[in-house]
Amino acid sequence: MQRLNCRNPSEDNMIISIALTDGKTLNLKIKKSKRAKKPSIIADIQGLQAIIPSNYEVNDLMELVHQKSNWMLKSSRYYERLRSRYAQEHLKANTICFLGNRYSLRIIKDRLLFAVVSENLNMITFHVANKRMFKDDIFKWYSNETAKIINTRLPFIASKLDIRYNNFFIKRHKSKWGSCSMKRNLNFNALLSAAPSDVIDYVIIHELVHIIESNHSRQFWDRVRTADPQYEDHRKWLRTYGSLVSIERINLERQTNVE
């Protein structure tokens, strides 16, 4: 990055323009917050934003900007690709997927961790003990929901396919939806419960078939097709919408449904 220019320096919500070496610029919105104890930079579909304490000098932010410059550029390009790929309704801030449906997100501070899914309001309300750790709580909820689904569907599908497995585990995979070990153990992405039920079944079938067909040979796909004739549609869903299933896209500072 080459230089920094400030616009509207007298206003609380100013914008810093960051000139890149390739001639492009990144715009960083500055928001002052009474709750903020130290500066932070977040990225989402709306762009880049720095949250700073009310008495914080913007010029002091420059060191943090330089430290996070590579991450800011990478994040900006990631969301730019999302904007060019998906319709706006799929990119609304602070929404999450569950069983193939997209819900608005609401966070309430509470002593106990639990979630309420409201089909009528099209909203999922998370009760969390610490709002700063809400992403971890959402991940735990996803993990539990995925485990419950796998615990029910896996033995049923395995029995139907007459394939024996050893055990299953819920993992924090970044790019895989599932995997299979030589010991017949199956691993599933904790966020799999974000996908529609038939897509979840496809992932289960995919990993079960790997127990008898280790690679993606013609025989492998023939077995998958026999068990799931619509498997190509289910693979397409994962390729198309998998990038949107991300807890990292949620930023509490930009959320309006917080109590």
C-alpha atoms as a PDB file:
ATOM      1  CA  MET A   1       0.000   0.000   0.000  1.00  0.00           C
ATOM      2  CA  GLN A   2       1.300   3.419  -0.935  1.00  0.00           C
ATOM      3  CA  ARG A   3      -0.604   6.264   0.738  1.00  0.00           C
ATOM      4  CA  LEU A   4      -3.593   7.119   2.899  1.00  0.00           C
ATOM      5  CA  ASN A   5      -6.063   9.948   2.293  1.00  0.00           C
ATOM      6  CA  CYS A   6      -8.841  11.005   4.682  1.00  0.00           C
ATOM      7  CA  ARG A   7     -12.235  12.303   3.587  1.00  0.00           C
ATOM      8  CA  ASN A   8     -14.597  14.225   5.873  1.00  0.00           C
ATOM      9  CA  PRO A   9     -11.967  14.443   8.649  1.00  0.00           C
ATOM     10  CA  SER A  10     -14.218  16.634  10.809  1.00  0.00           C
ATOM     11  CA  GLU A  11     -17.024  14.060  10.973  1.00  0.00           C
ATOM     12  CA  ASP A  12     -17.286  11.046  13.246  1.00  0.00           C
ATOM     13  CA  ASN A  13     -17.889   8.724  10.309  1.00  0.00           C
ATOM     14  CA  MET A  14     -15.054   9.606   7.990  1.00  0.00           C
ATOM     15  CA  ILE A  15     -13.596   7.459   5.228  1.00  0.00           C
ATOM     16  CA  ILE A  16      -9.921   6.644   4.722  1.00  0.00           C
ATOM     17  CA  SER A  17      -8.895   5.939   1.134  1.00  0.00           C
ATOM     18  CA  ILE A  18      -5.964   3.539   0.921  1.00  0.00           C
ATOM     19  CA  ALA A  19      -4.033   3.615  -2.351  1.00  0.00           C
ATOM     20  CA  LEU A  20      -2.666   0.256  -3.488  1.00  0.00           C
ATOM     21  CA  THR A  21       0.422  -0.398  -5.550  1.00  0.00           C
ATOM     22  CA  ASP A  22      -1.705  -1.606  -8.480  1.00  0.00           C
ATOM     23  CA  GLY A  23      -3.494   1.749  -8.712  1.00  0.00           C
ATOM     24  CA  LYS A  24      -6.681   0.616  -6.976  1.00  0.00           C
ATOM     25  CA  THR A  25      -7.962   1.992  -3.674  1.00  0.00           C
ATOM     26  CA  LEU A  26      -9.630   0.543  -0.595  1.00  0.00           C
ATOM     27  CA  ASN A  27     -12.139   2.607   1.367  1.00  0.00           C
ATOM     28  CA  LEU A  28     -12.070   2.165   5.135  1.00  0.00           C
ATOM     29  CA  LYS A  29     -15.040   3.615   7.001  1.00  0.00           C
ATOM     30  CA  ILE A  30     -14.283   4.961  10.473  1.00  0.00           C
ATOM     31  CA  LYS A  31     -16.892   4.550  13.206  1.00  0.00           C
ATOM     32  CA  LYS A  32     -16.468   5.896  16.725  1.00  0.00           C
ATOM     33  CA  SER A  33     -18.011   3.746  19.443  1.00  0.00           C
ATOM     34  CA  LYS A  34     -18.448   4.419  23.152  1.00  0.00           C
ATOM     35  CA  ARG A  35     -18.288   0.664  23.774  1.00  0.00           C
ATOM     36  CA  ALA A  36     -14.978   0.172  21.968  1.00  0.00           C
ATOM     37  CA  LYS A  37     -11.960  -0.070  24.270  1.00  0.00           C
ATOM     38  CA  LYS A  38      -9.406  -0.451  21.491  1.00  0.00           C
ATOM     39  CA  PRO A  39      -9.414  -0.038  17.696  1.00  0.00           C
ATOM     40  CA  SER A  40     -10.408  -2.938  15.472  1.00  0.00           C
ATOM     41  CA  ILE A  41     -10.986  -3.466  11.756  1.00  0.00           C
ATOM     42  CA  ILE A  42     -13.769  -5.655  10.409  1.00  0.00           C
ATOM     43  CA  ALA A  43     -14.699  -6.765   6.909  1.00  0.00           C
ATOM     44  CA  ASP A  44     -18.037  -7.906   5.557  1.00  0.00           C
ATOM     45  CA  ILE A  45     -20.193  -7.623   2.460  1.00  0.00           C
ATOM     46  CA  GLN A  46     -20.679  -3.904   3.184  1.00  0.00           C
ATOM     47  CA  GLY A  47     -16.949  -3.221   3.002  1.00  0.00           C
ATOM     48  CA  LEU A  48     -14.153  -2.421   5.454  1.00  0.00           C
ATOM     49  CA  GLN A  49     -14.826  -0.614   8.710  1.00  0.00           C
ATOM     50  CA  ALA A  50     -12.651   0.478  11.622  1.00  0.00           C
ATOM     51  CA  ILE A  51     -14.285   0.676  15.055  1.00  0.00           C
ATOM     52  CA  ILE A  52     -12.421   3.089  17.343  1.00  0.00           C
ATOM     53  CA  PRO A  53     -13.028   4.478  20.867  1.00  0.00           C
ATOM     54  CA  SER A  54     -14.721   7.869  21.028  1.00  0.00           C
ATOM     55  CA  ASN A  55     -11.572   9.643  22.227  1.00  0.00           C
ATOM     56  CA  TYR A  56      -9.256   7.859  19.781  1.00  0.00           C
ATOM     57  CA  GLU A  57      -7.280   9.874  17.232  1.00  0.00           C
ATOM     58  CA  VAL A  58      -7.724   8.659  13.674  1.00  0.00           C
ATOM     59  CA  ASN A  59      -4.053   9.254  12.895  1.00  0.00           C
ATOM     60  CA  ASP A  60      -3.170   6.656  15.548  1.00  0.00           C
ATOM     61  CA  LEU A  61      -5.072   4.077  13.491  1.00  0.00           C
ATOM     62  CA  MET A  62      -2.515   4.089  10.705  1.00  0.00           C
ATOM     63  CA  GLU A  63      -0.208   1.574  12.388  1.00  0.00           C
ATOM     64  CA  LEU A  64      -3.055  -0.933  12.692  1.00  0.00           C
ATOM     65  CA  VAL A  65      -4.020  -0.290   9.059  1.00  0.00           C
ATOM     66  CA  HIS A  66      -0.495  -1.117   7.908  1.00  0.00           C
ATOM     67  CA  GLN A  67      -0.372  -4.232  10.107  1.00  0.00           C
ATOM     68  CA  LYS A  68      -3.626  -5.533   8.622  1.00  0.00           C
ATOM     69  CA  SER A  69      -3.046  -4.316   5.071  1.00  0.00           C
ATOM     70  CA  ASN A  70      -2.653  -7.784   3.530  1.00  0.00           C
ATOM     71  CA  TRP A  71      -5.693  -9.128   5.369  1.00  0.00           C
ATOM     72  CA  MET A  72      -7.745  -6.078   4.358  1.00  0.00           C
ATOM     73  CA  LEU A  73      -6.835  -6.529   0.701  1.00  0.00           C
ATOM     74  CA  LYS A  74      -7.579 -10.264   0.783  1.00  0.00           C
ATOM     75  CA  SER A  75     -10.924  -9.729   2.546  1.00  0.00           C
ATOM     76  CA  SER A  76     -11.922  -6.919   0.200  1.00  0.00           C
ATOM     77  CA  ARG A  77     -11.279  -9.092  -2.849  1.00  0.00           C
ATOM     78  CA  TYR A  78     -13.181 -11.999  -1.277  1.00  0.00           C
ATOM     79  CA  TYR A  79     -16.322  -9.930  -0.723  1.00  0.00           C
ATOM     80  CA  GLU A  80     -15.960  -8.337  -4.132  1.00  0.00           C
ATOM     81  CA  ARG A  81     -16.140 -11.829  -5.646  1.00  0.00           C
ATOM     82  CA  LEU A  82     -19.217 -12.591  -3.548  1.00  0.00           C
ATOM     83  CA  ARG A  83     -20.948  -9.408  -4.704  1.00  0.00           C
ATOM     84  CA  SER A  84     -20.282 -10.253  -8.340  1.00  0.00           C
ATOM     85  CA  ARG A  85     -21.440 -13.854  -7.899  1.00  0.00           C
ATOM     86  CA  TYR A  86     -24.581 -13.652  -5.777  1.00  0.00           C
ATOM     87  CA  ALA A  87     -27.823 -11.703  -5.817  1.00  0.00           C
ATOM     88  CA  GLN A  88     -28.159  -9.067  -3.108  1.00  0.00           C
ATOM     89  CA  GLU A  89     -30.740 -11.048  -1.111  1.00  0.00           C
ATOM     90  CA  HIS A  90     -28.115 -13.734  -0.465  1.00  0.00           C
ATOM     91  CA  LEU A  91     -25.624 -11.186   0.867  1.00  0.00           C
ATOM     92  CA  LYS A  92     -27.615  -9.436   3.567  1.00  0.00           C
ATOM     93  CA  ALA A  93     -25.495  -8.686   6.618  1.00  0.00           C
ATOM     94  CA  ASN A  94     -26.048 -10.613   9.844  1.00  0.00           C
ATOM     95  CA  THR A  95     -27.995 -13.494   8.401  1.00  0.00           C
ATOM     96  CA  ILE A  96     -27.217 -17.182   8.781  1.00  0.00           C
ATOM     97  CA  CYS A  97     -28.273 -20.380   7.038  1.00  0.00           C
ATOM     98  CA  PHE A  98     -29.979 -23.292   8.712  1.00  0.00           C
ATOM     99  CA  LEU A  99     -31.260 -26.338   6.819  1.00  0.00           C
ATOM    100  CA  GLY A 100     -31.040 -24.418   3.553  1.00  0.00           C
ATOM    101  CA  ASN A 101     -33.014 -21.382   4.704  1.00  0.00           C
ATOM    102  CA  ARG A 102     -31.587 -17.954   5.478  1.00  0.00           C
ATOM    103  CA  TYR A 103     -32.577 -16.303   8.753  1.00  0.00           C
ATOM    104  CA  SER A 104     -32.045 -12.897  10.302  1.00  0.00           C
ATOM    105  CA  LEU A 105     -29.829 -13.024  13.379  1.00  0.00           C
ATOM    106  CA  ARG A 106     -30.637 -11.629  16.810  1.00  0.00           C
ATOM    107  CA  ILE A 107     -28.278 -11.681  19.805  1.00  0.00           C
ATOM    108  CA  ILE A 108     -29.500 -11.419  23.409  1.00  0.00           C
ATOM    109  CA  LYS A 109     -27.228 -11.465  26.446  1.00  0.00           C
ATOM    110  CA  ASP A 110     -28.279 -14.202  28.859  1.00  0.00           C
ATOM    111  CA  ARG A 111     -26.812 -16.560  31.429  1.00  0.00           C
ATOM    112  CA  LEU A 112     -27.526 -19.680  29.400  1.00  0.00           C
ATOM    113  CA  LEU A 113     -26.616 -20.489  25.815  1.00  0.00           C
ATOM    114  CA  PHE A 114     -29.546 -21.487  23.657  1.00  0.00           C
ATOM    115  CA  ALA A 115     -31.140 -20.564  20.348  1.00  0.00           C
ATOM    116  CA  VAL A 116     -34.727 -20.092  19.224  1.00  0.00           C
ATOM    117  CA  VAL A 117     -35.569 -20.674  15.562  1.00  0.00           C
ATOM    118  CA  SER A 118     -38.680 -18.751  14.515  1.00  0.00           C
ATOM    119  CA  GLU A 119     -40.099 -19.784  11.161  1.00  0.00           C
ATOM    120  CA  ASN A 120     -42.824 -17.118  11.359  1.00  0.00           C
ATOM    121  CA  LEU A 121     -40.364 -14.274  11.993  1.00  0.00           C
ATOM    122  CA  ASN A 122     -37.698 -15.835   9.779  1.00  0.00           C
ATOM    123  CA  MET A 123     -35.249 -15.197  12.604  1.00  0.00           C
ATOM    124  CA  ILE A 124     -32.871 -17.134  14.846  1.00  0.00           C
ATOM    125  CA  THR A 125     -32.389 -15.618  18.305  1.00  0.00           C
ATOM    126  CA  PHE A 126     -29.197 -16.573  20.133  1.00  0.00           C
ATOM    127  CA  HIS A 127     -28.991 -16.158  23.907  1.00  0.00           C
ATOM    128  CA  VAL A 128     -25.314 -15.817  24.802  1.00  0.00           C
ATOM    129  CA  ALA A 129     -23.415 -15.109  28.019  1.00  0.00           C
ATOM    130  CA  ASN A 130     -20.717 -13.006  26.371  1.00  0.00           C
ATOM    131  CA  LYS A 131     -21.510 -11.003  23.244  1.00  0.00           C
ATOM    132  CA  ARG A 132     -17.815 -10.747  22.415  1.00  0.00           C
ATOM    133  CA  MET A 133     -17.732 -14.542  22.088  1.00  0.00           C
ATOM    134  CA  PHE A 134     -20.984 -14.860  20.155  1.00  0.00           C
ATOM    135  CA  LYS A 135     -19.336 -16.420  17.079  1.00  0.00           C
ATOM    136  CA  ASP A 136     -17.978 -19.240  19.230  1.00  0.00           C
ATOM    137  CA  ASP A 137     -21.462 -19.766  20.667  1.00  0.00           C
ATOM    138  CA  ILE A 138     -23.014 -19.856  17.188  1.00  0.00           C
ATOM    139  CA  PHE A 139     -20.387 -22.394  16.125  1.00  0.00           C
ATOM    140  CA  LYS A 140     -21.225 -24.583  19.146  1.00  0.00           C
ATOM    141  CA  TRP A 141     -24.893 -24.399  18.220  1.00  0.00           C
ATOM    142  CA  TYR A 142     -24.133 -25.418  14.627  1.00  0.00           C
ATOM    143  CA  SER A 143     -21.965 -28.284  15.916  1.00  0.00           C
ATOM    144  CA  ASN A 144     -24.741 -29.570  18.164  1.00  0.00           C
ATOM    145  CA  GLU A 145     -27.384 -29.297  15.438  1.00  0.00           C
ATOM    146  CA  THR A 146     -25.143 -31.056  12.911  1.00  0.00           C
ATOM    147  CA  ALA A 147     -24.339 -33.813  15.422  1.00  0.00           C
ATOM    148  CA  LYS A 148     -28.049 -34.422  16.082  1.00  0.00           C
ATOM    149  CA  ILE A 149     -28.785 -34.675  12.366  1.00  0.00           C
ATOM    150  CA  ILE A 150     -25.826 -36.962  11.633  1.00  0.00           C
ATOM    151  CA  ASN A 151     -26.655 -39.127  14.642  1.00  0.00           C
ATOM    152  CA  THR A 152     -30.083 -39.775  13.128  1.00  0.00           C
ATOM    153  CA  ARG A 153     -29.407 -39.866   9.390  1.00  0.00           C
ATOM    154  CA  LEU A 154     -26.025 -41.632   9.284  1.00  0.00           C
ATOM    155  CA  PRO A 155     -27.109 -45.014  10.748  1.00  0.00           C
ATOM    156  CA  PHE A 156     -30.283 -44.949   8.650  1.00  0.00           C
ATOM    157  CA  ILE A 157     -28.425 -44.274   5.377  1.00  0.00           C
ATOM    158  CA  ALA A 158     -25.584 -46.668   6.248  1.00  0.00           C
ATOM    159  CA  SER A 159     -28.088 -49.455   6.880  1.00  0.00           C
ATOM    160  CA  LYS A 160     -29.861 -48.688   3.622  1.00  0.00           C
ATOM    161  CA  LEU A 161     -26.567 -48.840   1.687  1.00  0.00           C
ATOM    162  CA  ASP A 162     -25.332 -51.829   3.713  1.00  0.00           C
ATOM    163  CA  ILE A 163     -22.069 -50.026   4.521  1.00  0.00           C
ATOM    164  CA  ARG A 164     -20.498 -50.405   7.943  1.00  0.00           C
ATOM    165  CA  TYR A 165     -18.741 -47.449   9.578  1.00  0.00           C
ATOM    166  CA  ASN A 166     -16.959 -47.147  12.922  1.00  0.00           C
ATOM    167  CA  ASN A 167     -17.770 -43.708  14.337  1.00  0.00           C
ATOM    168  CA  PHE A 168     -18.357 -40.108  13.316  1.00  0.00           C
ATOM    169  CA  PHE A 169     -16.921 -36.791  14.481  1.00  0.00           C
ATOM    170  CA  ILE A 170     -17.913 -33.151  14.013  1.00  0.00           C
ATOM    171  CA  LYS A 171     -14.954 -31.054  12.868  1.00  0.00           C
ATOM    172  CA  ARG A 172     -14.143 -27.406  12.235  1.00  0.00           C
ATOM    173  CA  HIS A 173     -13.193 -27.858   8.588  1.00  0.00           C
ATOM    174  CA  LYS A 174     -12.457 -24.764   6.507  1.00  0.00           C
ATOM    175  CA  SER A 175     -12.937 -26.219   3.049  1.00  0.00           C
ATOM    176  CA  LYS A 176     -14.219 -29.803   3.440  1.00  0.00           C
ATOM    177  CA  TRP A 177     -17.790 -30.822   4.111  1.00  0.00           C
ATOM    178  CA  GLY A 178     -16.760 -34.313   5.113  1.00  0.00           C
ATOM    179  CA  SER A 179     -13.943 -36.849   5.115  1.00  0.00           C
ATOM    180  CA  CYS A 180     -13.364 -40.556   5.687  1.00  0.00           C
ATOM    181  CA  SER A 181     -10.448 -42.263   7.448  1.00  0.00           C
ATOM    182  CA  MET A 182      -8.875 -45.678   6.904  1.00  0.00           C
ATOM    183  CA  LYS A 183     -10.427 -46.758  10.227  1.00  0.00           C
ATOM    184  CA  ARG A 184     -13.937 -46.190   8.830  1.00  0.00           C
ATOM    185  CA  ASN A 185     -14.371 -43.043  10.887  1.00  0.00           C
ATOM    186  CA  LEU A 186     -16.362 -40.270   9.235  1.00  0.00           C
ATOM    187  CA  ASN A 187     -15.797 -36.561   9.830  1.00  0.00           C
ATOM    188  CA  PHE A 188     -18.384 -33.889   9.071  1.00  0.00           C
ATOM    189  CA  ASN A 189     -18.129 -30.120   8.917  1.00  0.00           C
ATOM    190  CA  ALA A 190     -19.833 -28.508  11.913  1.00  0.00           C
ATOM    191  CA  LEU A 191     -21.596 -26.047   9.592  1.00  0.00           C
ATOM    192  CA  LEU A 192     -23.205 -28.825   7.547  1.00  0.00           C
ATOM    193  CA  SER A 193     -26.558 -28.201   9.254  1.00  0.00           C
ATOM    194  CA  ALA A 194     -26.695 -24.932   7.302  1.00  0.00           C
ATOM    195  CA  ALA A 195     -27.387 -26.968   4.148  1.00  0.00           C
ATOM    196  CA  PRO A 196     -30.766 -28.397   3.064  1.00  0.00           C
ATOM    197  CA  SER A 197     -31.622 -31.857   4.388  1.00  0.00           C
ATOM    198  CA  ASP A 198     -31.172 -33.581   1.025  1.00  0.00           C
ATOM    199  CA  VAL A 199     -27.737 -31.968   0.630  1.00  0.00           C
ATOM    200  CA  ILE A 200     -26.762 -33.232   4.092  1.00  0.00           C
ATOM    201  CA  ASP A 201     -27.850 -36.718   3.036  1.00  0.00           C
ATOM    202  CA  TYR A 202     -25.677 -36.416  -0.072  1.00  0.00           C
ATOM    203  CA  VAL A 203     -22.595 -35.578   2.018  1.00  0.00           C
ATOM    204  CA  ILE A 204     -23.311 -38.566   4.269  1.00  0.00           C
ATOM    205  CA  ILE A 205     -23.692 -40.838   1.228  1.00  0.00           C
ATOM    206  CA  HIS A 206     -20.502 -39.419  -0.296  1.00  0.00           C
ATOM    207  CA  GLU A 207     -18.433 -40.240   2.786  1.00  0.00           C
ATOM    208  CA  LEU A 208     -20.001 -43.659   3.316  1.00  0.00           C
ATOM    209  CA  VAL A 209     -19.204 -44.676  -0.265  1.00  0.00           C
ATOM    210  CA  HIS A 210     -15.590 -43.626   0.354  1.00  0.00           C
ATOM    211  CA  ILE A 211     -15.353 -46.503   2.828  1.00  0.00           C
ATOM    212  CA  ILE A 212     -15.538 -48.953  -0.083  1.00  0.00           C
ATOM    213  CA  GLU A 213     -14.260 -46.681  -2.886  1.00  0.00           C
ATOM    214  CA  SER A 214     -11.289 -44.640  -1.682  1.00  0.00           C
ATOM    215  CA  ASN A 215     -10.990 -42.343  -4.710  1.00  0.00           C
ATOM    216  CA  HIS A 216     -13.391 -40.509  -7.003  1.00  0.00           C
ATOM    217  CA  SER A 217     -13.430 -43.188  -9.669  1.00  0.00           C
ATOM    218  CA  ARG A 218     -16.278 -43.964 -12.045  1.00  0.00           C
ATOM    219  CA  GLN A 219     -17.310 -46.776  -9.705  1.00  0.00           C
ATOM    220  CA  PHE A 220     -17.448 -44.290  -6.835  1.00  0.00           C
ATOM    221  CA  TRP A 221     -19.785 -41.899  -8.648  1.00  0.00           C
ATOM    222  CA  ASP A 222     -21.928 -44.787  -9.917  1.00  0.00           C
ATOM    223  CA  ARG A 223     -22.494 -45.893  -6.326  1.00  0.00           C
ATOM    224  CA  VAL A 224     -23.282 -42.324  -5.245  1.00  0.00           C
ATOM    225  CA  ARG A 225     -25.724 -41.901  -8.141  1.00  0.00           C
ATOM    226  CA  THR A 226     -27.520 -45.128  -7.232  1.00  0.00           C
ATOM    227  CA  ALA A 227     -27.990 -43.925  -3.657  1.00  0.00           C
ATOM    228  CA  ASP A 228     -28.738 -40.308  -4.618  1.00  0.00           C
ATOM    229  CA  PRO A 229     -29.985 -39.824  -8.201  1.00  0.00           C
ATOM    230  CA  GLN A 230     -30.003 -36.013  -7.691  1.00  0.00           C
ATOM    231  CA  TYR A 231     -26.451 -35.904  -6.340  1.00  0.00           C
ATOM    232  CA  GLU A 232     -25.286 -33.503  -9.070  1.00  0.00           C
ATOM    233  CA  ASP A 233     -27.863 -30.934  -7.928  1.00  0.00           C
ATOM    234  CA  HIS A 234     -26.714 -31.374  -4.345  1.00  0.00           C
ATOM    235  CA  ARG A 235     -23.065 -30.920  -5.325  1.00  0.00           C
ATOM    236  CA  LYS A 236     -24.069 -27.782  -7.213  1.00  0.00           C
ATOM    237  CA  TRP A 237     -25.734 -26.364  -4.085  1.00  0.00           C
ATOM    238  CA  LEU A 238     -22.513 -26.821  -2.119  1.00  0.00           C
ATOM    239  CA  ARG A 239     -20.434 -25.199  -4.863  1.00  0.00           C
ATOM    240  CA  THR A 240     -22.871 -22.323  -5.290  1.00  0.00           C
ATOM    241  CA  TYR A 241     -23.847 -21.492  -1.730  1.00  0.00           C
ATOM    242  CA  GLY A 242     -21.066 -23.055   0.321  1.00  0.00           C
ATOM    243  CA  SER A 243     -19.146 -19.771   0.379  1.00  0.00           C
ATOM    244  CA  LEU A 244     -22.113 -18.066   2.050  1.00  0.00           C
ATOM    245  CA  VAL A 245     -22.128 -20.523   4.956  1.00  0.00           C
ATOM    246  CA  SER A 246     -19.669 -18.616   7.094  1.00  0.00           C
ATOM    247  CA  ILE A 247     -19.842 -17.381  10.669  1.00  0.00           C
ATOM    248  CA  GLU A 248     -16.990 -15.003   9.873  1.00  0.00           C
ATOM    249  CA  ARG A 249     -19.346 -12.948   7.674  1.00  0.00           C
ATOM    250  CA  ILE A 250     -21.275 -11.878  10.783  1.00  0.00           C
ATOM    251  CA  ASN A 251     -20.079  -8.728  12.561  1.00  0.00           C
ATOM    252  CA  LEU A 252     -21.777  -7.780  15.818  1.00  0.00           C
ATOM    253  CA  GLU A 253     -20.674  -4.139  15.586  1.00  0.00           C
ATOM    254  CA  ARG A 254     -22.813  -3.683  12.470  1.00  0.00           C
ATOM    255  CA  GLN A 255     -25.763  -5.546  13.846  1.00  0.00           C
ATOM    256  CA  THR A 256     -29.000  -3.809  14.743  1.00  0.00           C
ATOM    257  CA  ASN A 257     -30.702  -6.804  16.406  1.00  0.00           C
ATOM    258  CA  VAL A 258     -28.613  -6.740  19.583  1.00  0.00           C
ATOM    259  CA  GLU A 259     -30.040  -6.478  23.097  1.00  0.00           C
END
